[in-house]
């Protein structure tokens, strides 16, 4: 089904790149920069909503597959508390290296490992929650059933998996994320995600958009006590999703000024780039230097204006 990776062949180097049929991203720094730009500096509230959709609770064990540079895993570690644990895997050694540096700076107890999702080096029934965010479209269609079976294998009875990816419907491609990502990397239809999870023996209990026109999610669970319990869970999840949307809306409203600063800053960068290219006011290094300085200024402006308000709103929500 998939190429053999280091775990299968007996190699033990945790930093070696495993073999996979999926698309692997290697530019970790650009990955983080694009996430900040595409989310207009609101990556924090976005990650928190994903954890809300996964219904993360204190003391749970969480596996983040295709974890990238570890931002979501670190946020999940705060959510599950001292009694919980979080482990992230990614096929990119560069992503894992950057994630390890982030964890060291944050002093968070999160472990990371270079591994492929088609054959996870994880014991059976060892996690309560699996997170798959913006990763599934990187996996070839024929490999996805194997990934879903692996997710089912590592989940405990009653465990949950959250899958978030780009929507394929035309009306959902109008957002910034849709325009900049769909044409380059791909998407996965929601009905495909639902069928994939169901075929692996998981019950889909909630689906919907993720606060933006170009993303959607599916939440599925293993079945501990039969179909009746699953139906009841679906009702609870839908109500919880409405409350989550309202909370995120309030947070984003408080951060409107920060978002406006990002838009104004991006416009300023375009004007600056035009001036550099048109008038040749500096050397070949002028353009990358101007972009770097402009982005740094945007980060400072956004965090100074939005940091206190964002934390206040999310903190009150998490404390409820």
Protein backbone atom coordinates (compact mmCIF):
# COMPACT_ATOMS: atom_id res chain seq x y z
CA UNK A 1 0.00 0.00 0.00
CA UNK A 2 2.78 2.43 0.84
CA UNK A 3 6.52 2.67 0.60
CA UNK A 4 8.50 1.23 3.45
CA UNK A 5 9.58 3.71 6.07
CA UNK A 6 12.34 3.67 8.66
CA UNK A 7 10.14 2.16 11.35
CA UNK A 8 9.37 -0.82 9.12
CA UNK A 9 12.95 -1.42 8.03
CA UNK A 10 14.40 -1.30 11.51
CA UNK A 11 16.18 2.05 11.17
CA UNK A 12 16.00 4.11 14.35
CA UNK A 13 17.17 7.59 13.36
CA UNK A 14 14.30 9.84 14.59
CA UNK A 15 15.45 12.69 12.32
CA UNK A 16 15.68 10.71 9.06
CA UNK A 17 13.05 11.40 6.40
CA UNK A 18 10.76 8.36 6.08
CA UNK A 19 9.53 7.20 2.71
CA UNK A 20 5.93 8.09 1.88
CA UNK A 21 3.72 8.49 -1.15
CA UNK A 22 2.23 11.65 0.32
CA UNK A 23 3.38 15.22 -0.34
CA UNK A 24 5.92 16.37 2.24
CA UNK A 25 6.55 20.06 3.01
CA UNK A 26 10.11 21.03 3.90
CA UNK A 27 10.17 24.85 4.19
CA UNK A 28 9.07 25.09 7.82
CA UNK A 29 9.74 28.81 8.24
CA UNK A 30 7.67 29.72 5.18
CA UNK A 31 4.92 27.40 6.41
CA UNK A 32 4.60 29.39 9.65
CA UNK A 33 4.78 32.72 7.83
CA UNK A 34 2.02 31.77 5.40
CA UNK A 35 -0.19 30.56 8.25
CA UNK A 36 0.09 33.97 9.93
CA UNK A 37 -0.52 35.87 6.71
CA UNK A 38 -3.48 33.79 5.50
CA UNK A 39 -5.16 33.95 8.92
CA UNK A 40 -4.46 37.71 9.22
CA UNK A 41 -2.61 37.22 12.47
CA UNK A 42 -5.53 35.33 14.06
CA UNK A 43 -3.88 31.91 14.19
CA UNK A 44 -4.40 31.69 17.95
CA UNK A 45 -8.23 31.85 17.90
CA UNK A 46 -8.29 29.57 14.85
CA UNK A 47 -6.26 26.87 16.64
CA UNK A 48 -8.40 27.21 19.76
CA UNK A 49 -11.56 26.64 17.71
CA UNK A 50 -10.08 23.46 16.27
CA UNK A 51 -9.48 22.18 19.80
CA UNK A 52 -13.05 23.13 20.73
CA UNK A 53 -14.37 21.18 17.75
CA UNK A 54 -12.34 18.17 18.90
CA UNK A 55 -13.97 18.58 22.34
CA UNK A 56 -10.58 18.29 24.01
CA UNK A 57 -10.72 17.68 27.75
CA UNK A 58 -8.24 17.70 30.61
CA UNK A 59 -6.30 14.48 31.07
CA UNK A 60 -6.71 13.19 27.51
CA UNK A 61 -3.98 11.72 25.32
CA UNK A 62 -3.77 13.50 21.94
CA UNK A 63 -2.04 12.50 18.71
CA UNK A 64 -1.52 15.26 16.12
CA UNK A 65 -0.85 13.64 12.73
CA UNK A 66 0.81 15.78 10.10
CA UNK A 67 1.60 18.14 12.97
CA UNK A 68 3.71 20.55 10.93
CA UNK A 69 5.65 22.95 13.12
CA UNK A 70 3.75 21.98 16.27
CA UNK A 71 1.61 25.06 16.93
CA UNK A 72 -1.62 23.10 17.37
CA UNK A 73 0.07 20.40 19.45
CA UNK A 74 1.42 23.01 21.87
CA UNK A 75 -2.05 24.55 22.20
CA UNK A 76 -3.50 21.08 22.79
CA UNK A 77 -0.96 20.47 25.55
CA UNK A 78 -2.23 23.51 27.42
CA UNK A 79 -5.79 22.28 27.02
CA UNK A 80 -5.26 18.73 28.34
CA UNK A 81 -3.28 19.92 31.37
CA UNK A 82 -0.67 18.10 33.46
CA UNK A 83 -2.58 14.81 33.46
CA UNK A 84 -2.76 14.67 29.66
CA UNK A 85 -0.15 14.07 27.01
CA UNK A 86 0.38 15.18 23.39
CA UNK A 87 2.44 13.55 20.66
CA UNK A 88 2.94 14.88 17.14
CA UNK A 89 4.14 13.11 14.00
CA UNK A 90 5.09 14.48 10.60
CA UNK A 91 6.99 13.06 7.62
CA UNK A 92 9.11 16.23 7.32
CA UNK A 93 12.28 16.34 9.44
CA UNK A 94 12.38 20.12 8.94
CA UNK A 95 8.89 20.53 10.39
CA UNK A 96 9.69 18.34 13.38
CA UNK A 97 12.94 20.22 14.02
CA UNK A 98 11.09 23.54 14.08
CA UNK A 99 8.38 22.05 16.29
CA UNK A 100 11.03 20.88 18.76
CA UNK A 101 12.46 24.40 18.94
CA UNK A 102 8.99 25.83 19.57
CA UNK A 103 8.38 23.38 22.39
CA UNK A 104 11.71 24.27 23.99
CA UNK A 105 10.84 27.98 23.91
CA UNK A 106 7.34 27.35 25.25
CA UNK A 107 8.64 24.89 27.86
CA UNK A 108 5.77 22.58 26.91
CA UNK A 109 5.78 18.84 27.49
CA UNK A 110 5.08 17.69 23.93
CA UNK A 111 6.90 14.94 22.06
CA UNK A 112 7.46 14.91 18.30
CA UNK A 113 8.54 12.20 15.90
CA UNK A 114 9.37 11.96 12.20
CA UNK A 115 6.93 9.34 10.91
CA UNK A 116 4.40 8.68 8.17
CA UNK A 117 0.67 8.56 8.80
CA UNK A 118 0.19 5.42 6.69
CA UNK A 119 2.11 3.36 9.27
CA UNK A 120 2.25 5.20 12.58
CA UNK A 121 4.79 3.87 15.11
CA UNK A 122 2.14 4.08 17.83
CA UNK A 123 0.62 1.25 19.94
CA UNK A 124 -2.98 0.18 19.44
CA UNK A 125 -5.68 2.02 21.43
CA UNK A 126 -3.22 4.49 22.93
CA UNK A 127 -4.90 7.88 22.29
CA UNK A 128 -8.21 9.51 23.16
CA UNK A 129 -8.08 12.07 20.36
CA UNK A 130 -6.44 12.22 16.91
CA UNK A 131 -6.11 15.58 15.16
CA UNK A 132 -5.74 15.78 11.37
CA UNK A 133 -5.71 19.40 10.24
CA UNK A 134 -5.01 20.47 6.64
CA UNK A 135 -3.13 17.23 6.07
CA UNK A 136 -5.46 14.77 4.35
CA UNK A 137 -5.26 16.47 0.93
CA UNK A 138 -1.50 15.82 0.91
CA UNK A 139 -2.12 12.06 1.05
CA UNK A 140 -2.81 10.31 -2.29
CA UNK A 141 -6.41 9.13 -2.65
CA UNK A 142 -5.45 5.44 -2.72
CA UNK A 143 -3.48 5.81 0.53
CA UNK A 144 -6.26 7.51 2.50
CA UNK A 145 -8.12 4.32 3.52
CA UNK A 146 -4.91 3.02 5.10
CA UNK A 147 -4.52 6.29 7.00
CA UNK A 148 -8.12 6.05 8.28
CA UNK A 149 -7.54 2.48 9.43
CA UNK A 150 -4.42 3.60 11.27
CA UNK A 151 -6.40 6.32 13.02
CA UNK A 152 -9.01 3.77 14.07
CA UNK A 153 -6.27 1.44 15.32
CA UNK A 154 -4.62 3.97 17.63
CA UNK A 155 -7.88 5.33 19.10
CA UNK A 156 -9.19 4.05 22.40
CA UNK A 157 -12.84 2.97 22.76
CA UNK A 158 -14.89 6.15 22.73
CA UNK A 159 -12.01 8.08 21.19
CA UNK A 160 -12.43 10.89 18.66
CA UNK A 161 -10.79 12.07 15.46
CA UNK A 162 -11.11 15.58 14.04
CA UNK A 163 -10.41 15.98 10.32
CA UNK A 164 -10.15 19.52 8.92
CA UNK A 165 -9.41 20.23 5.27
CA UNK A 166 -10.12 22.46 2.29
CA UNK A 167 -13.60 22.41 0.80
CA UNK A 168 -14.05 21.65 -2.89
CA UNK A 169 -17.43 23.27 -3.49
CA UNK A 170 -17.35 26.40 -5.73
CA UNK A 171 -19.04 28.65 -3.18
CA UNK A 172 -16.37 27.75 -0.64
CA UNK A 173 -13.46 28.73 -2.91
CA UNK A 174 -14.13 32.45 -2.62
CA UNK A 175 -12.10 33.00 0.56
CA UNK A 176 -8.42 33.93 0.72
CA UNK A 177 -7.45 30.44 1.87
CA UNK A 178 -9.38 28.84 -0.95
CA UNK A 179 -7.84 30.98 -3.70
CA UNK A 180 -4.27 30.65 -2.46
CA UNK A 181 -4.34 26.95 -1.58
CA UNK A 182 -6.91 24.97 -3.53
CA UNK A 183 -5.41 25.54 -6.94
CA UNK A 184 -1.95 24.55 -5.76
CA UNK A 185 -2.39 21.69 -3.35
CA UNK A 186 -5.91 20.30 -3.58
CA UNK A 187 -8.91 19.61 -1.41
CA UNK A 188 -11.07 16.82 -0.02
CA UNK A 189 -14.87 16.90 -0.27
CA UNK A 190 -16.76 16.51 2.99
CA UNK A 191 -18.68 13.48 1.73
CA UNK A 192 -15.33 11.85 0.91
CA UNK A 193 -14.08 12.48 4.44
CA UNK A 194 -17.29 11.07 5.93
CA UNK A 195 -17.12 7.95 3.76
CA UNK A 196 -13.45 7.45 4.54
CA UNK A 197 -14.06 7.55 8.30
CA UNK A 198 -17.16 5.34 8.10
CA UNK A 199 -15.35 2.70 6.04
CA UNK A 200 -12.67 2.55 8.74
CA UNK A 201 -15.30 1.76 11.38
CA UNK A 202 -15.75 5.27 12.81
CA UNK A 203 -19.04 7.11 13.38
CA UNK A 204 -19.23 10.69 12.09
CA UNK A 205 -21.04 12.73 14.75
CA UNK A 206 -20.58 16.33 13.58
CA UNK A 207 -19.63 18.20 10.39
CA UNK A 208 -19.61 21.78 9.17
CA UNK A 209 -17.54 24.85 8.24
CA UNK A 210 -14.61 26.04 10.34
CA UNK A 211 -15.18 29.78 10.60
CA UNK A 212 -14.03 30.39 7.02
CA UNK A 213 -15.59 29.68 3.64
CA UNK A 214 -12.79 27.43 2.43
CA UNK A 215 -12.46 24.96 5.34
CA UNK A 216 -14.71 22.26 6.71
CA UNK A 217 -14.47 19.60 9.43
CA UNK A 218 -15.71 16.16 10.37
CA UNK A 219 -15.66 14.78 13.90
CA UNK A 220 -15.90 11.01 14.28
CA UNK A 221 -15.75 8.63 17.19
CA UNK A 222 -15.30 4.98 17.95
CA UNK A 223 -18.49 3.32 19.18
CA UNK A 224 -18.37 2.34 22.85
CA UNK A 225 -22.05 1.46 23.49
CA UNK A 226 -23.90 1.23 20.21
CA UNK A 227 -25.70 3.41 17.69
CA UNK A 228 -28.05 5.02 20.21
CA UNK A 229 -25.14 6.66 21.99
CA UNK A 230 -23.78 7.96 18.69
CA UNK A 231 -27.09 9.63 17.81
CA UNK A 232 -27.23 11.33 21.19
CA UNK A 233 -23.66 12.54 20.80
CA UNK A 234 -24.51 14.12 17.44
CA UNK A 235 -27.14 16.34 19.05
CA UNK A 236 -24.76 17.43 21.78
CA UNK A 237 -21.99 18.13 19.30
CA UNK A 238 -24.20 20.30 17.09
CA UNK A 239 -25.22 22.43 20.04
CA UNK A 240 -21.61 22.71 21.17
CA UNK A 241 -20.56 23.71 17.65
CA UNK A 242 -23.05 26.61 17.67
CA UNK A 243 -21.63 27.83 20.98
CA UNK A 244 -18.08 27.53 19.64
CA UNK A 245 -18.96 29.58 16.55
CA UNK A 246 -20.45 32.31 18.74
CA UNK A 247 -17.35 32.37 20.94
CA UNK A 248 -14.98 32.56 17.98
CA UNK A 249 -17.10 35.32 16.45
CA UNK A 250 -16.78 37.38 19.61
CA UNK A 251 -13.02 36.84 19.67
CA UNK A 252 -12.62 37.84 16.04
CA UNK A 253 -14.78 40.91 16.57
CA UNK A 254 -12.50 42.05 19.39
CA UNK A 255 -9.57 41.50 17.05
CA UNK A 256 -11.05 43.44 14.11
CA UNK A 257 -8.58 46.29 14.58
CA UNK A 258 -5.68 43.84 14.46
CA UNK A 259 -7.03 42.34 11.26
CA UNK A 260 -7.42 45.81 9.75
CA UNK A 261 -3.79 46.54 10.58
CA UNK A 262 -2.76 43.39 8.72
CA UNK A 263 -4.71 44.42 5.62
CA UNK A 264 -3.30 47.94 5.73
CA UNK A 265 0.17 46.54 6.25
CA UNK A 266 -0.14 44.20 3.28
CA UNK A 267 -1.24 47.09 1.08
CA UNK A 268 1.75 49.07 2.29
CA UNK A 269 4.03 46.16 1.42
CA UNK A 270 2.62 46.05 -2.12
CA UNK A 271 3.26 49.78 -2.54
CA UNK A 272 6.77 49.41 -1.13
CA UNK A 273 7.53 46.49 -3.44
CA UNK A 274 6.29 48.50 -6.41
CA UNK A 275 8.57 51.38 -5.48
CA UNK A 276 11.56 49.08 -5.07
CA UNK A 277 11.02 47.36 -8.40
CA UNK A 278 10.07 50.50 -10.34
CA UNK A 279 12.70 52.93 -9.16
CA UNK A 280 15.52 50.54 -8.26
CA UNK A 281 16.10 52.35 -4.98
CA UNK A 282 18.31 49.61 -3.51
CA UNK A 283 20.32 46.53 -4.33
CA UNK A 284 19.06 43.03 -5.08
CA UNK A 285 18.61 42.48 -1.35
CA UNK A 286 16.14 45.37 -1.04
CA UNK A 287 13.04 43.35 -1.85
CA UNK A 288 13.54 40.47 0.62
CA UNK A 289 14.77 42.92 3.25
CA UNK A 290 11.71 45.13 2.80
CA UNK A 291 9.37 42.14 3.03
CA UNK A 292 11.09 40.83 6.15
CA UNK A 293 10.93 44.21 7.88
CA UNK A 294 7.33 44.75 6.84
CA UNK A 295 6.21 41.36 8.10
CA UNK A 296 8.05 41.89 11.38
CA UNK A 297 6.29 45.22 11.81
CA UNK A 298 2.94 43.56 11.14
CA UNK A 299 3.58 40.91 13.78
CA UNK A 300 4.44 43.55 16.36
CA UNK A 301 1.38 45.66 15.54
CA UNK A 302 -1.03 42.72 15.62
CA UNK A 303 0.25 41.27 18.86
CA UNK A 304 0.35 44.61 20.64
CA UNK A 305 -3.22 45.49 19.66
CA UNK A 306 -4.92 42.09 19.71
CA UNK A 307 -3.04 40.06 22.29
CA UNK A 308 -4.81 41.24 25.43
CA UNK A 309 -8.28 41.19 23.91
CA UNK A 310 -7.85 37.78 22.31
CA UNK A 311 -6.57 36.17 25.49
CA UNK A 312 -9.34 37.72 27.54
CA UNK A 313 -12.13 36.38 25.35
CA UNK A 314 -10.66 32.91 24.89
CA UNK A 315 -9.69 32.69 28.54
CA UNK A 316 -13.25 33.40 29.61
CA UNK A 317 -14.54 30.76 27.19
CA UNK A 318 -12.12 28.09 28.40
CA UNK A 319 -12.94 28.88 32.00
CA UNK A 320 -16.69 28.26 31.52
